[in-house]
C-alpha atoms as a PDB file:
ATOM      1  CA  UNK A   1      10.166 152.174 -63.012  1.00  0.00           C
ATOM      2  CA  UNK A   2       6.734 150.607 -62.620  1.00  0.00           C
ATOM      3  CA  UNK A   3       4.864 151.610 -59.474  1.00  0.00           C
ATOM      4  CA  UNK A   4       7.584 153.346 -57.481  1.00  0.00           C
ATOM      5  CA  UNK A   5       7.823 153.519 -53.732  1.00  0.00           C
ATOM      6  CA  UNK A   6       8.041 157.300 -54.039  1.00  0.00           C
ATOM      7  CA  UNK A   7       4.602 157.514 -55.671  1.00  0.00           C
ATOM      8  CA  UNK A   8       3.077 155.314 -52.957  1.00  0.00           C
ATOM      9  CA  UNK A   9       4.484 157.512 -50.203  1.00  0.00           C
ATOM     10  CA  UNK A  10       3.261 160.642 -51.986  1.00  0.00           C
ATOM     11  CA  UNK A  11      -0.284 159.285 -52.254  1.00  0.00           C
ATOM     12  CA  UNK A  12      -0.265 158.333 -48.561  1.00  0.00           C
ATOM     13  CA  UNK A  13       0.757 161.883 -47.667  1.00  0.00           C
ATOM     14  CA  UNK A  14      -1.863 163.524 -49.890  1.00  0.00           C
ATOM     15  CA  UNK A  15      -4.523 161.094 -48.717  1.00  0.00           C
ATOM     16  CA  UNK A  16      -3.798 161.910 -45.081  1.00  0.00           C
ATOM     17  CA  UNK A  17      -4.096 165.637 -45.729  1.00  0.00           C
ATOM     18  CA  UNK A  18      -7.416 165.218 -47.558  1.00  0.00           C
ATOM     19  CA  UNK A  19      -8.867 163.100 -44.761  1.00  0.00           C
ATOM     20  CA  UNK A  20      -7.592 165.616 -42.199  1.00  0.00           C
ATOM     21  CA  UNK A  21      -9.369 168.437 -44.052  1.00  0.00           C
ATOM     22  CA  UNK A  22     -12.533 166.342 -44.287  1.00  0.00           C
ATOM     23  CA  UNK A  23     -12.464 165.552 -40.553  1.00  0.00           C
ATOM     24  CA  UNK A  24     -12.098 169.176 -39.510  1.00  0.00           C
ATOM     25  CA  UNK A  25     -14.833 170.271 -41.949  1.00  0.00           C
ATOM     26  CA  UNK A  26     -17.263 167.788 -40.424  1.00  0.00           C
ATOM     27  CA  UNK A  27     -16.191 168.828 -36.941  1.00  0.00           C
ATOM     28  CA  UNK A  28     -16.905 172.504 -37.659  1.00  0.00           C
ATOM     29  CA  UNK A  29     -20.321 171.721 -39.147  1.00  0.00           C
ATOM     30  CA  UNK A  30     -21.288 169.637 -36.143  1.00  0.00           C
ATOM     31  CA  UNK A  31     -19.704 171.912 -33.546  1.00  0.00           C
ATOM     32  CA  UNK A  32     -22.756 174.028 -32.877  1.00  0.00           C
ATOM     33  CA  UNK A  33     -25.002 171.004 -32.554  1.00  0.00           C
ATOM     34  CA  UNK A  34     -22.588 169.366 -30.110  1.00  0.00           C
ATOM     35  CA  UNK A  35     -22.510 172.479 -27.935  1.00  0.00           C
ATOM     36  CA  UNK A  36     -26.284 172.431 -27.719  1.00  0.00           C
ATOM     37  CA  UNK A  37     -26.154 168.835 -26.538  1.00  0.00           C
ATOM     38  CA  UNK A  38     -23.461 169.416 -23.902  1.00  0.00           C
ATOM     39  CA  UNK A  39     -25.853 169.562 -20.963  1.00  0.00           C
ATOM     40  CA  UNK A  40     -27.649 166.431 -22.088  1.00  0.00           C
ATOM     41  CA  UNK A  41     -24.356 164.570 -22.598  1.00  0.00           C
ATOM     42  CA  UNK A  42     -23.036 165.597 -19.177  1.00  0.00           C
ATOM     43  CA  UNK A  43     -26.214 164.278 -17.589  1.00  0.00           C
ATOM     44  CA  UNK A  44     -25.830 160.973 -19.421  1.00  0.00           C
ATOM     45  CA  UNK A  45     -22.205 160.710 -18.326  1.00  0.00           C
ATOM     46  CA  UNK A  46     -23.189 161.172 -14.698  1.00  0.00           C
ATOM     47  CA  UNK A  47     -25.766 158.441 -15.051  1.00  0.00           C
ATOM     48  CA  UNK A  48     -23.160 156.233 -16.749  1.00  0.00           C
ATOM     49  CA  UNK A  49     -20.847 156.500 -13.752  1.00  0.00           C
ATOM     50  CA  UNK A  50     -23.465 154.811 -11.634  1.00  0.00           C
ATOM     51  CA  UNK A  51     -24.119 152.064 -14.185  1.00  0.00           C
ATOM     52  CA  UNK A  52     -22.325 148.711 -14.109  1.00  0.00           C
ATOM     53  CA  UNK A  53     -19.656 148.471 -16.832  1.00  0.00           C
ATOM     54  CA  UNK A  54     -20.525 145.740 -19.356  1.00  0.00           C
ATOM     55  CA  UNK A  55     -18.502 144.023 -22.072  1.00  0.00           C
ATOM     56  CA  UNK A  56     -20.203 146.197 -24.686  1.00  0.00           C
ATOM     57  CA  UNK A  57     -19.084 149.296 -22.794  1.00  0.00           C
ATOM     58  CA  UNK A  58     -15.475 148.141 -22.997  1.00  0.00           C
ATOM     59  CA  UNK A  59     -15.499 147.123 -26.665  1.00  0.00           C
ATOM     60  CA  UNK A  60     -14.999 149.680 -29.420  1.00  0.00           C
ATOM     61  CA  UNK A  61     -14.705 149.551 -33.190  1.00  0.00           C
ATOM     62  CA  UNK A  62     -13.491 151.907 -35.869  1.00  0.00           C
ATOM     63  CA  UNK A  63     -10.861 152.435 -38.517  1.00  0.00           C
ATOM     64  CA  UNK A  64     -10.266 154.708 -41.457  1.00  0.00           C
ATOM     65  CA  UNK A  65     -10.866 154.896 -45.196  1.00  0.00           C
ATOM     66  CA  UNK A  66      -8.645 156.549 -47.781  1.00  0.00           C
ATOM     67  CA  UNK A  67      -9.372 157.318 -51.441  1.00  0.00           C
ATOM     68  CA  UNK A  68      -7.418 159.049 -54.195  1.00  0.00           C
ATOM     69  CA  UNK A  69      -7.956 159.050 -57.945  1.00  0.00           C
ATOM     70  CA  UNK A  70      -5.971 160.413 -60.836  1.00  0.00           C
ATOM     71  CA  UNK A  71      -2.630 159.358 -62.296  1.00  0.00           C
ATOM     72  CA  UNK A  72      -2.286 157.262 -59.149  1.00  0.00           C
ATOM     73  CA  UNK A  73      -5.335 155.453 -57.777  1.00  0.00           C
ATOM     74  CA  UNK A  74      -5.342 154.635 -54.087  1.00  0.00           C
ATOM     75  CA  UNK A  75      -7.965 152.794 -52.046  1.00  0.00           C
ATOM     76  CA  UNK A  76      -7.236 151.993 -48.415  1.00  0.00           C
ATOM     77  CA  UNK A  77      -9.382 150.514 -45.670  1.00  0.00           C
ATOM     78  CA  UNK A  78      -8.311 149.747 -42.105  1.00  0.00           C
ATOM     79  CA  UNK A  79     -11.003 148.361 -39.792  1.00  0.00           C
ATOM     80  CA  UNK A  80     -10.114 147.753 -36.138  1.00  0.00           C
ATOM     81  CA  UNK A  81     -11.566 146.443 -32.899  1.00  0.00           C
ATOM     82  CA  UNK A  82     -10.393 147.231 -29.380  1.00  0.00           C
ATOM     83  CA  UNK A  83     -11.000 146.658 -25.684  1.00  0.00           C
ATOM     84  CA  UNK A  84     -10.890 149.284 -22.940  1.00  0.00           C
ATOM     85  CA  UNK A  85      -8.846 147.651 -20.188  1.00  0.00           C
ATOM     86  CA  UNK A  86      -9.301 150.740 -17.998  1.00  0.00           C
ATOM     87  CA  UNK A  87     -10.949 154.099 -18.758  1.00  0.00           C
ATOM     88  CA  UNK A  88      -7.531 155.380 -19.886  1.00  0.00           C
ATOM     89  CA  UNK A  89      -5.818 152.275 -21.304  1.00  0.00           C
ATOM     90  CA  UNK A  90      -6.971 150.242 -24.292  1.00  0.00           C
ATOM     91  CA  UNK A  91      -5.624 147.635 -26.725  1.00  0.00           C
ATOM     92  CA  UNK A  92      -6.828 146.109 -29.954  1.00  0.00           C
ATOM     93  CA  UNK A  93      -6.181 144.627 -33.371  1.00  0.00           C
ATOM     94  CA  UNK A  94      -6.525 145.978 -36.895  1.00  0.00           C
ATOM     95  CA  UNK A  95      -6.604 144.742 -40.484  1.00  0.00           C
ATOM     96  CA  UNK A  96      -5.202 146.750 -43.392  1.00  0.00           C
ATOM     97  CA  UNK A  97      -5.776 146.589 -47.145  1.00  0.00           C
ATOM     98  CA  UNK A  98      -4.412 149.103 -49.661  1.00  0.00           C
ATOM     99  CA  UNK A  99      -4.675 149.074 -53.442  1.00  0.00           C
ATOM    100  CA  UNK A 100      -2.477 151.170 -55.732  1.00  0.00           C
ATOM    101  CA  UNK A 101      -2.635 151.625 -59.480  1.00  0.00           C
ATOM    102  CA  UNK A 102      -0.555 153.960 -61.625  1.00  0.00           C
ATOM    103  CA  UNK A 103       0.309 154.603 -65.269  1.00  0.00           C
ATOM    104  CA  UNK A 104       3.871 153.921 -66.346  1.00  0.00           C
ATOM    105  CA  UNK A 105       6.007 156.289 -68.353  1.00  0.00           C
ATOM    106  CA  UNK A 106       5.283 154.361 -71.545  1.00  0.00           C
ATOM    107  CA  UNK A 107       1.519 154.010 -71.133  1.00  0.00           C
ATOM    108  CA  UNK A 108       1.566 150.727 -69.232  1.00  0.00           C
ATOM    109  CA  UNK A 109      -0.592 150.339 -66.144  1.00  0.00           C
ATOM    110  CA  UNK A 110       0.694 148.709 -62.980  1.00  0.00           C
ATOM    111  CA  UNK A 111      -1.083 147.841 -59.772  1.00  0.00           C
ATOM    112  CA  UNK A 112      -0.377 146.172 -56.453  1.00  0.00           C
ATOM    113  CA  UNK A 113      -2.056 145.393 -53.156  1.00  0.00           C
ATOM    114  CA  UNK A 114      -0.643 145.800 -49.668  1.00  0.00           C
ATOM    115  CA  UNK A 115      -2.357 143.915 -46.859  1.00  0.00           C
ATOM    116  CA  UNK A 116      -1.683 142.753 -43.331  1.00  0.00           C
ATOM    117  CA  UNK A 117      -2.585 143.280 -39.702  1.00  0.00           C
ATOM    118  CA  UNK A 118      -1.524 144.983 -36.510  1.00  0.00           C
ATOM    119  CA  UNK A 119      -1.867 144.981 -32.731  1.00  0.00           C
ATOM    120  CA  UNK A 120      -1.890 148.262 -30.834  1.00  0.00           C
ATOM    121  CA  UNK A 121      -2.207 149.828 -27.419  1.00  0.00           C
ATOM    122  CA  UNK A 122      -3.181 153.372 -26.425  1.00  0.00           C
ATOM    123  CA  UNK A 123      -3.054 155.351 -23.212  1.00  0.00           C
ATOM    124  CA  UNK A 124      -4.931 158.589 -22.511  1.00  0.00           C
ATOM    125  CA  UNK A 125      -2.617 160.535 -20.224  1.00  0.00           C
ATOM    126  CA  UNK A 126      -4.272 163.954 -20.260  1.00  0.00           C
ATOM    127  CA  UNK A 127      -7.983 164.798 -20.559  1.00  0.00           C
ATOM    128  CA  UNK A 128      -9.803 168.020 -21.469  1.00  0.00           C
ATOM    129  CA  UNK A 129      -6.808 169.726 -23.088  1.00  0.00           C
ATOM    130  CA  UNK A 130      -7.552 173.244 -24.403  1.00  0.00           C
ATOM    131  CA  UNK A 131     -11.262 172.516 -24.197  1.00  0.00           C
ATOM    132  CA  UNK A 132     -13.596 169.880 -22.835  1.00  0.00           C
ATOM    133  CA  UNK A 133     -13.691 166.656 -24.829  1.00  0.00           C
ATOM    134  CA  UNK A 134     -10.135 166.765 -26.211  1.00  0.00           C
ATOM    135  CA  UNK A 135      -7.533 164.336 -24.824  1.00  0.00           C
ATOM    136  CA  UNK A 136      -3.859 163.578 -25.439  1.00  0.00           C
ATOM    137  CA  UNK A 137      -3.128 159.946 -26.360  1.00  0.00           C
ATOM    138  CA  UNK A 138       0.054 157.864 -26.511  1.00  0.00           C
ATOM    139  CA  UNK A 139       0.015 155.122 -29.164  1.00  0.00           C
ATOM    140  CA  UNK A 140       2.187 152.032 -29.758  1.00  0.00           C
ATOM    141  CA  UNK A 141       1.730 149.454 -32.516  1.00  0.00           C
ATOM    142  CA  UNK A 142       3.260 146.414 -34.172  1.00  0.00           C
ATOM    143  CA  UNK A 143       2.373 146.038 -37.854  1.00  0.00           C
ATOM    144  CA  UNK A 144       3.072 143.254 -40.382  1.00  0.00           C
ATOM    145  CA  UNK A 145       2.414 143.978 -44.064  1.00  0.00           C
ATOM    146  CA  UNK A 146       2.597 141.743 -47.127  1.00  0.00           C
ATOM    147  CA  UNK A 147       4.267 143.562 -50.052  1.00  0.00           C
ATOM    148  CA  UNK A 148       4.829 142.612 -53.682  1.00  0.00           C
ATOM    149  CA  UNK A 149       8.579 142.351 -54.269  1.00  0.00           C
ATOM    150  CA  UNK A 150       8.499 143.379 -57.942  1.00  0.00           C
ATOM    151  CA  UNK A 151       7.462 146.936 -57.016  1.00  0.00           C
ATOM    152  CA  UNK A 152      10.251 147.499 -54.489  1.00  0.00           C
ATOM    153  CA  UNK A 153      13.780 148.116 -55.657  1.00  0.00           C
ATOM    154  CA  UNK A 154      15.683 145.476 -53.732  1.00  0.00           C
ATOM    155  CA  UNK A 155      17.074 142.627 -55.874  1.00  0.00           C
ATOM    156  CA  UNK A 156      18.150 140.681 -52.775  1.00  0.00           C
ATOM    157  CA  UNK A 157      14.556 139.957 -51.817  1.00  0.00           C
ATOM    158  CA  UNK A 158      13.003 136.665 -52.984  1.00  0.00           C
ATOM    159  CA  UNK A 159      10.555 136.752 -55.880  1.00  0.00           C
ATOM    160  CA  UNK A 160       6.893 137.106 -54.928  1.00  0.00           C
ATOM    161  CA  UNK A 161       5.540 138.608 -51.703  1.00  0.00           C
ATOM    162  CA  UNK A 162       7.384 139.245 -48.459  1.00  0.00           C
ATOM    163  CA  UNK A 163       6.464 140.410 -44.952  1.00  0.00           C
ATOM    164  CA  UNK A 164       7.588 143.823 -43.720  1.00  0.00           C
ATOM    165  CA  UNK A 165       7.541 144.257 -39.926  1.00  0.00           C
ATOM    166  CA  UNK A 166       7.207 147.710 -38.382  1.00  0.00           C
ATOM    167  CA  UNK A 167       7.002 149.124 -34.860  1.00  0.00           C
ATOM    168  CA  UNK A 168       5.194 152.465 -34.718  1.00  0.00           C
ATOM    169  CA  UNK A 169       5.141 154.786 -31.709  1.00  0.00           C
ATOM    170  CA  UNK A 170       3.839 158.278 -31.164  1.00  0.00           C
ATOM    171  CA  UNK A 171       0.834 160.165 -29.939  1.00  0.00           C
ATOM    172  CA  UNK A 172      -1.930 162.510 -30.867  1.00  0.00           C
ATOM    173  CA  UNK A 173      -5.247 164.132 -30.070  1.00  0.00           C
ATOM    174  CA  UNK A 174      -8.633 162.514 -29.501  1.00  0.00           C
ATOM    175  CA  UNK A 175     -11.795 164.582 -29.781  1.00  0.00           C
ATOM    176  CA  UNK A 176     -14.901 162.995 -28.295  1.00  0.00           C
ATOM    177  CA  UNK A 177     -18.045 163.582 -30.351  1.00  0.00           C
ATOM    178  CA  UNK A 178     -20.348 161.535 -28.132  1.00  0.00           C
ATOM    179  CA  UNK A 179     -20.348 159.069 -25.263  1.00  0.00           C
ATOM    180  CA  UNK A 180     -18.623 156.412 -27.372  1.00  0.00           C
ATOM    181  CA  UNK A 181     -17.518 158.101 -30.601  1.00  0.00           C
ATOM    182  CA  UNK A 182     -14.290 159.994 -31.227  1.00  0.00           C
ATOM    183  CA  UNK A 183     -12.027 161.365 -33.962  1.00  0.00           C
ATOM    184  CA  UNK A 184      -8.331 160.554 -33.515  1.00  0.00           C
ATOM    185  CA  UNK A 185      -5.331 162.240 -35.142  1.00  0.00           C
ATOM    186  CA  UNK A 186      -1.946 160.587 -34.522  1.00  0.00           C
ATOM    187  CA  UNK A 187       1.614 161.376 -35.562  1.00  0.00           C
ATOM    188  CA  UNK A 188       3.619 158.132 -35.578  1.00  0.00           C
ATOM    189  CA  UNK A 189       7.256 157.185 -36.160  1.00  0.00           C
ATOM    190  CA  UNK A 190       8.353 153.823 -37.521  1.00  0.00           C
ATOM    191  CA  UNK A 191      11.228 152.559 -35.372  1.00  0.00           C
ATOM    192  CA  UNK A 192      12.037 149.987 -38.080  1.00  0.00           C
ATOM    193  CA  UNK A 193      11.973 152.442 -40.995  1.00  0.00           C
ATOM    194  CA  UNK A 194      13.663 151.238 -44.199  1.00  0.00           C
ATOM    195  CA  UNK A 195      13.517 152.211 -47.875  1.00  0.00           C
ATOM    196  CA  UNK A 196      10.870 149.491 -48.279  1.00  0.00           C
ATOM    197  CA  UNK A 197       8.418 151.144 -45.885  1.00  0.00           C
ATOM    198  CA  UNK A 198       5.280 152.293 -47.754  1.00  0.00           C
ATOM    199  CA  UNK A 199       5.133 155.598 -45.844  1.00  0.00           C
ATOM    200  CA  UNK A 200       7.538 158.257 -44.629  1.00  0.00           C
ATOM    201  CA  UNK A 201       8.545 159.172 -41.070  1.00  0.00           C
ATOM    202  CA  UNK A 202       6.554 160.644 -39.473  1.00  0.00           C
ATOM    203  CA  UNK A 203       3.183 159.473 -40.781  1.00  0.00           C
ATOM    204  CA  UNK A 204      -0.153 161.131 -40.008  1.00  0.00           C
ATOM    205  CA  UNK A 205      -3.005 158.784 -39.192  1.00  0.00           C
ATOM    206  CA  UNK A 206      -6.666 159.678 -38.778  1.00  0.00           C
ATOM    207  CA  UNK A 207      -9.200 157.246 -37.413  1.00  0.00           C
ATOM    208  CA  UNK A 208     -12.716 157.056 -36.029  1.00  0.00           C
ATOM    209  CA  UNK A 209     -13.844 155.076 -32.971  1.00  0.00           C
ATOM    210  CA  UNK A 210     -17.377 154.223 -31.969  1.00  0.00           C
END
């Protein structure tokens, strides 16, 4: 049947693994350079403690980008913006857009877009785990996505698009790669998981903050 929910979930899984591999590859390449800059960074951090905290210091931006091509084409972009309420607690908003295209069993092509937004909060409850610069983070999020009904096997839904609400909770690891930049890897569970959800429980999410 058309663009199945199973194929969407499979692409999400494969996309997450590819991005994870890409993140760790970059991290290994830059590891030596970061070690050489440790003393300089520590000095800057000490100076930062004595500096007045501004709005720009509290704001952060980021997101993630996913790509996959083949029998199923996937393009996903999720920009976000957040505010550091305290050094350990932050909150923000995000926007999501995902495009899927696949070939049907009889040579027909089908495509759909998933889009929506979210609000999230994060709390860093443990710093410098294993090594300096790595922290453990708790994450909570409310997400609302607009889905195309014709690609989801539920005849009770009205024709056209509908809103799917999800509550995601979990945690992960944050690795700081500078004074403001970090790579984040989260494992999240959807507390409102249904057969209509575009990803499986748990889902792996990778994001970049700066």
